[in-house]
Amino acid sequence: MKKLKNIIAISTLTLTTPLFASAQITNPISSPDLSTLLNRIIDIIIMLATPIVVVSVIYSGFLFVTAGGNEQKITLAKKILFWTLIGALILLGARVIATAVSGTVDSLSA
């Protein structure tokens, strides 16, 4: 019974493969080159992450204000602000790296 299932699976795969092989596959991203693709991806990431950075900075400021001298809350607020700024710098660094890569790719293709 198991051999029969394997034979049916192999023959079905063998018979249907040419149908899928001749199908046209389109590019869902529709980027003409690598530099455009990188810039679009970085733009989307920055667009999604910027509000998160702003909210995190506001939240850490709120924690600073409401700490009332409590060292643990102040330490938590400092940690949140520090890691938020690190994340923002990584976002800016990603933009710089993407610009450098796209410039290098453009100069190689020219």
N, C-alpha and C. Protein backbone atom coordinates (compact mmCIF):
# COMPACT_ATOMS: atom_id res chain seq x y z
N MET A 1 0.82 -1.18 0.00
CA MET A 1 0.00 0.00 0.00
C MET A 1 0.87 1.26 0.00
N LYS A 2 1.97 1.23 0.79
CA LYS A 2 2.85 2.37 0.86
C LYS A 2 3.56 2.59 -0.48
N LYS A 3 3.92 1.48 -1.14
CA LYS A 3 4.57 1.59 -2.45
C LYS A 3 3.61 2.20 -3.46
N LEU A 4 2.35 1.84 -3.40
CA LEU A 4 1.36 2.37 -4.32
C LEU A 4 1.20 3.88 -4.12
N LYS A 5 1.20 4.34 -2.89
CA LYS A 5 1.11 5.77 -2.61
C LYS A 5 2.33 6.51 -3.14
N ASN A 6 3.50 5.91 -2.98
CA ASN A 6 4.72 6.52 -3.49
C ASN A 6 4.71 6.59 -5.01
N ILE A 7 4.25 5.55 -5.65
CA ILE A 7 4.18 5.53 -7.11
C ILE A 7 3.21 6.58 -7.62
N ILE A 8 2.06 6.70 -6.95
CA ILE A 8 1.07 7.71 -7.36
C ILE A 8 1.63 9.11 -7.15
N ALA A 9 2.31 9.34 -6.04
CA ALA A 9 2.88 10.65 -5.76
C ALA A 9 3.95 11.02 -6.77
N ILE A 10 4.83 10.06 -7.09
CA ILE A 10 5.91 10.33 -8.04
C ILE A 10 5.36 10.55 -9.44
N SER A 11 4.40 9.76 -9.85
CA SER A 11 3.84 9.93 -11.19
C SER A 11 3.06 11.24 -11.29
N THR A 12 2.34 11.62 -10.24
CA THR A 12 1.63 12.89 -10.26
C THR A 12 2.61 14.05 -10.35
N LEU A 13 3.67 13.98 -9.58
CA LEU A 13 4.69 15.02 -9.62
C LEU A 13 5.36 15.08 -10.98
N THR A 14 5.64 13.94 -11.55
CA THR A 14 6.29 13.89 -12.86
C THR A 14 5.38 14.45 -13.96
N LEU A 15 4.11 14.18 -13.87
CA LEU A 15 3.19 14.63 -14.90
C LEU A 15 2.83 16.11 -14.77
N THR A 16 2.83 16.64 -13.56
CA THR A 16 2.43 18.03 -13.38
C THR A 16 3.59 19.02 -13.37
N THR A 17 4.80 18.57 -13.26
CA THR A 17 5.96 19.48 -13.23
C THR A 17 6.06 20.33 -14.49
N PRO A 18 5.87 19.80 -15.69
CA PRO A 18 5.95 20.66 -16.87
C PRO A 18 4.91 21.79 -16.87
N LEU A 19 3.78 21.57 -16.25
CA LEU A 19 2.78 22.63 -16.18
C LEU A 19 3.27 23.81 -15.36
N PHE A 20 3.94 23.52 -14.26
CA PHE A 20 4.44 24.59 -13.40
C PHE A 20 5.71 25.21 -13.96
N ALA A 21 6.49 24.43 -14.66
CA ALA A 21 7.74 24.93 -15.22
C ALA A 21 7.50 25.95 -16.32
N SER A 22 6.41 25.82 -17.03
CA SER A 22 6.14 26.75 -18.13
C SER A 22 5.39 28.00 -17.66
N ALA A 23 5.00 28.06 -16.41
CA ALA A 23 4.27 29.21 -15.91
C ALA A 23 5.20 30.42 -15.79
N GLN A 24 4.66 31.59 -16.06
CA GLN A 24 5.42 32.82 -15.94
C GLN A 24 5.40 33.27 -14.47
N ILE A 25 6.55 33.53 -13.93
CA ILE A 25 6.64 34.01 -12.56
C ILE A 25 6.96 35.50 -12.63
N THR A 26 6.12 36.30 -12.01
CA THR A 26 6.35 37.74 -12.03
C THR A 26 6.98 38.18 -10.72
N ASN A 27 7.65 39.30 -10.77
CA ASN A 27 8.32 39.85 -9.60
C ASN A 27 7.30 40.61 -8.76
N PRO A 28 6.98 40.14 -7.56
CA PRO A 28 5.97 40.83 -6.74
C PRO A 28 6.47 42.16 -6.18
N ILE A 29 7.78 42.34 -6.10
CA ILE A 29 8.33 43.56 -5.54
C ILE A 29 8.43 44.65 -6.60
N SER A 30 8.57 44.28 -7.80
CA SER A 30 8.66 45.17 -8.97
C SER A 30 9.79 46.18 -8.84
N SER A 31 10.94 45.74 -8.37
CA SER A 31 12.11 46.60 -8.31
C SER A 31 13.01 46.29 -9.50
N PRO A 32 13.40 47.32 -10.22
CA PRO A 32 14.22 47.06 -11.40
C PRO A 32 15.65 46.63 -11.09
N ASP A 33 16.18 47.03 -9.92
CA ASP A 33 17.55 46.65 -9.59
C ASP A 33 17.71 46.53 -8.07
N LEU A 34 18.90 46.12 -7.67
CA LEU A 34 19.17 45.86 -6.26
C LEU A 34 19.12 47.12 -5.41
N SER A 35 19.65 48.22 -5.92
CA SER A 35 19.68 49.44 -5.12
C SER A 35 18.28 49.96 -4.84
N THR A 36 17.39 49.86 -5.82
CA THR A 36 16.00 50.28 -5.60
C THR A 36 15.33 49.37 -4.58
N LEU A 37 15.59 48.09 -4.66
CA LEU A 37 15.02 47.14 -3.71
C LEU A 37 15.49 47.43 -2.29
N LEU A 38 16.80 47.66 -2.12
CA LEU A 38 17.34 47.97 -0.80
C LEU A 38 16.73 49.25 -0.24
N ASN A 39 16.63 50.27 -1.09
CA ASN A 39 16.06 51.53 -0.62
C ASN A 39 14.60 51.39 -0.23
N ARG A 40 13.84 50.60 -0.98
CA ARG A 40 12.44 50.39 -0.63
C ARG A 40 12.29 49.63 0.68
N ILE A 41 13.12 48.62 0.89
CA ILE A 41 13.07 47.85 2.13
C ILE A 41 13.44 48.74 3.32
N ILE A 42 14.49 49.53 3.18
CA ILE A 42 14.91 50.42 4.26
C ILE A 42 13.84 51.48 4.52
N ASP A 43 13.21 52.00 3.47
CA ASP A 43 12.13 52.98 3.66
C ASP A 43 10.98 52.39 4.46
N ILE A 44 10.61 51.16 4.16
CA ILE A 44 9.52 50.50 4.88
C ILE A 44 9.90 50.28 6.34
N ILE A 45 11.12 49.82 6.57
CA ILE A 45 11.57 49.57 7.94
C ILE A 45 11.60 50.88 8.75
N ILE A 46 12.12 51.95 8.15
CA ILE A 46 12.17 53.23 8.84
C ILE A 46 10.77 53.76 9.09
N MET A 47 9.88 53.58 8.12
CA MET A 47 8.50 54.05 8.28
C MET A 47 7.81 53.32 9.44
N LEU A 48 8.10 52.04 9.60
CA LEU A 48 7.49 51.28 10.69
C LEU A 48 8.17 51.54 12.04
N ALA A 49 9.46 51.77 12.04
CA ALA A 49 10.20 51.88 13.29
C ALA A 49 10.21 53.29 13.87
N THR A 50 10.02 54.30 13.06
CA THR A 50 10.06 55.68 13.57
C THR A 50 9.01 55.93 14.65
N PRO A 51 7.75 55.54 14.44
CA PRO A 51 6.78 55.74 15.53
C PRO A 51 7.13 54.97 16.80
N ILE A 52 7.74 53.81 16.64
CA ILE A 52 8.14 53.03 17.81
C ILE A 52 9.23 53.77 18.59
N VAL A 53 10.18 54.37 17.89
CA VAL A 53 11.24 55.15 18.53
C VAL A 53 10.64 56.35 19.27
N VAL A 54 9.72 57.05 18.61
CA VAL A 54 9.11 58.23 19.23
C VAL A 54 8.34 57.84 20.49
N VAL A 55 7.55 56.78 20.40
CA VAL A 55 6.78 56.34 21.56
C VAL A 55 7.70 55.89 22.69
N SER A 56 8.79 55.24 22.36
CA SER A 56 9.73 54.79 23.39
C SER A 56 10.42 55.96 24.08
N VAL A 57 10.76 57.00 23.33
CA VAL A 57 11.37 58.18 23.93
C VAL A 57 10.36 58.88 24.85
N ILE A 58 9.13 58.99 24.39
CA ILE A 58 8.08 59.60 25.22
C ILE A 58 7.86 58.77 26.48
N TYR A 59 7.84 57.45 26.33
CA TYR A 59 7.63 56.56 27.49
C TYR A 59 8.77 56.70 28.50
N SER A 60 10.01 56.74 28.00
CA SER A 60 11.13 56.89 28.94
C SER A 60 11.09 58.25 29.62
N GLY A 61 10.68 59.29 28.91
CA GLY A 61 10.51 60.60 29.55
C GLY A 61 9.43 60.56 30.61
N PHE A 62 8.34 59.85 30.32
CA PHE A 62 7.27 59.69 31.31
C PHE A 62 7.80 58.96 32.55
N LEU A 63 8.62 57.95 32.34
CA LEU A 63 9.19 57.22 33.47
C LEU A 63 10.12 58.12 34.30
N PHE A 64 10.89 58.97 33.62
CA PHE A 64 11.75 59.90 34.35
C PHE A 64 10.92 60.85 35.22
N VAL A 65 9.84 61.37 34.64
CA VAL A 65 9.02 62.33 35.36
C VAL A 65 8.31 61.68 36.54
N THR A 66 7.81 60.47 36.36
CA THR A 66 7.04 59.82 37.41
C THR A 66 7.91 59.02 38.39
N ALA A 67 9.22 59.01 38.20
CA ALA A 67 10.09 58.23 39.08
C ALA A 67 10.06 58.75 40.51
N GLY A 68 9.99 60.04 40.68
CA GLY A 68 9.92 60.61 42.03
C GLY A 68 11.13 60.29 42.89
N GLY A 69 12.29 60.20 42.29
CA GLY A 69 13.50 59.93 43.06
C GLY A 69 13.78 58.45 43.28
N ASN A 70 12.92 57.57 42.81
CA ASN A 70 13.13 56.13 42.96
C ASN A 70 14.24 55.69 41.99
N GLU A 71 15.33 55.20 42.53
CA GLU A 71 16.50 54.85 41.71
C GLU A 71 16.20 53.73 40.71
N GLN A 72 15.37 52.77 41.10
CA GLN A 72 15.04 51.67 40.19
C GLN A 72 14.29 52.18 38.97
N LYS A 73 13.34 53.08 39.18
CA LYS A 73 12.57 53.63 38.05
C LYS A 73 13.44 54.52 37.18
N ILE A 74 14.33 55.27 37.79
CA ILE A 74 15.24 56.11 37.00
C ILE A 74 16.18 55.24 36.18
N THR A 75 16.67 54.16 36.77
CA THR A 75 17.55 53.23 36.04
C THR A 75 16.80 52.59 34.88
N LEU A 76 15.55 52.21 35.10
CA LEU A 76 14.74 51.64 34.03
C LEU A 76 14.52 52.65 32.91
N ALA A 77 14.24 53.89 33.28
CA ALA A 77 14.03 54.93 32.28
C ALA A 77 15.31 55.18 31.48
N LYS A 78 16.44 55.18 32.15
CA LYS A 78 17.72 55.36 31.45
C LYS A 78 17.99 54.21 30.48
N LYS A 79 17.69 52.98 30.91
CA LYS A 79 17.88 51.81 30.04
C LYS A 79 17.01 51.92 28.79
N ILE A 80 15.74 52.26 29.00
CA ILE A 80 14.82 52.36 27.86
C ILE A 80 15.28 53.44 26.91
N LEU A 81 15.69 54.60 27.44
CA LEU A 81 16.16 55.68 26.58
C LEU A 81 17.43 55.28 25.86
N PHE A 82 18.35 54.63 26.56
CA PHE A 82 19.62 54.22 25.94
C PHE A 82 19.37 53.26 24.78
N TRP A 83 18.58 52.21 25.01
CA TRP A 83 18.36 51.22 23.96
C TRP A 83 17.49 51.77 22.82
N THR A 84 16.64 52.72 23.13
CA THR A 84 15.87 53.37 22.07
C THR A 84 16.80 54.18 21.16
N LEU A 85 17.72 54.91 21.77
CA LEU A 85 18.67 55.68 20.96
C LEU A 85 19.60 54.77 20.17
N ILE A 86 19.99 53.64 20.74
CA ILE A 86 20.80 52.67 19.99
C ILE A 86 20.02 52.16 18.79
N GLY A 87 18.75 51.84 18.99
CA GLY A 87 17.91 51.38 17.88
C GLY A 87 17.76 52.44 16.80
N ALA A 88 17.61 53.70 17.21
CA ALA A 88 17.51 54.79 16.23
C ALA A 88 18.81 54.94 15.44
N LEU A 89 19.94 54.79 16.13
CA LEU A 89 21.22 54.86 15.42
C LEU A 89 21.39 53.69 14.45
N ILE A 90 20.90 52.52 14.82
CA ILE A 90 20.96 51.37 13.91
C ILE A 90 20.11 51.64 12.67
N LEU A 91 18.94 52.26 12.85
CA LEU A 91 18.11 52.61 11.70
C LEU A 91 18.84 53.58 10.77
N LEU A 92 19.46 54.59 11.35
CA LEU A 92 20.22 55.54 10.53
C LEU A 92 21.41 54.86 9.86
N GLY A 93 22.06 53.97 10.61
CA GLY A 93 23.18 53.23 10.03
C GLY A 93 22.75 52.33 8.88
N ALA A 94 21.56 51.76 8.99
CA ALA A 94 21.04 50.93 7.90
C ALA A 94 20.83 51.77 6.65
N ARG A 95 20.34 52.99 6.82
CA ARG A 95 20.16 53.89 5.67
C ARG A 95 21.52 54.20 5.03
N VAL A 96 22.52 54.47 5.86
CA VAL A 96 23.85 54.79 5.34
C VAL A 96 24.44 53.58 4.60
N ILE A 97 24.30 52.40 5.18
CA ILE A 97 24.83 51.19 4.55
C ILE A 97 24.10 50.92 3.23
N ALA A 98 22.79 51.08 3.21
CA ALA A 98 22.03 50.85 1.98
C ALA A 98 22.44 51.85 0.90
N THR A 99 22.68 53.10 1.28
CA THR A 99 23.12 54.10 0.31
C THR A 99 24.51 53.74 -0.22
N ALA A 100 25.39 53.28 0.66
CA ALA A 100 26.74 52.89 0.22
C ALA A 100 26.69 51.69 -0.71
N VAL A 101 25.87 50.70 -0.37
CA VAL A 101 25.76 49.50 -1.22
C VAL A 101 25.17 49.86 -2.57
N SER A 102 24.11 50.68 -2.56
CA SER A 102 23.50 51.03 -3.84
C SER A 102 24.45 51.87 -4.68
N GLY A 103 25.25 52.74 -4.06
CA GLY A 103 26.25 53.50 -4.81
C GLY A 103 27.31 52.61 -5.41
N THR A 104 27.73 51.60 -4.65
CA THR A 104 28.74 50.65 -5.15
C THR A 104 28.17 49.82 -6.29
N VAL A 105 26.95 49.36 -6.14
CA VAL A 105 26.31 48.56 -7.19
C VAL A 105 26.11 49.39 -8.45
N ASP A 106 25.69 50.63 -8.28
CA ASP A 106 25.50 51.51 -9.43
C ASP A 106 26.80 51.79 -10.14
N SER A 107 27.91 51.97 -9.38
CA SER A 107 29.19 52.24 -10.02
C SER A 107 29.74 51.00 -10.72
N LEU A 108 29.42 49.82 -10.20
CA LEU A 108 29.88 48.59 -10.87
C LEU A 108 29.09 48.31 -12.14
N SER A 109 27.82 48.67 -12.14
CA SER A 109 26.99 48.37 -13.31
C SER A 109 27.15 49.41 -14.40
N ALA A 110 27.75 50.54 -14.09
CA ALA A 110 27.92 51.60 -15.10
C ALA A 110 29.09 51.37 -16.00
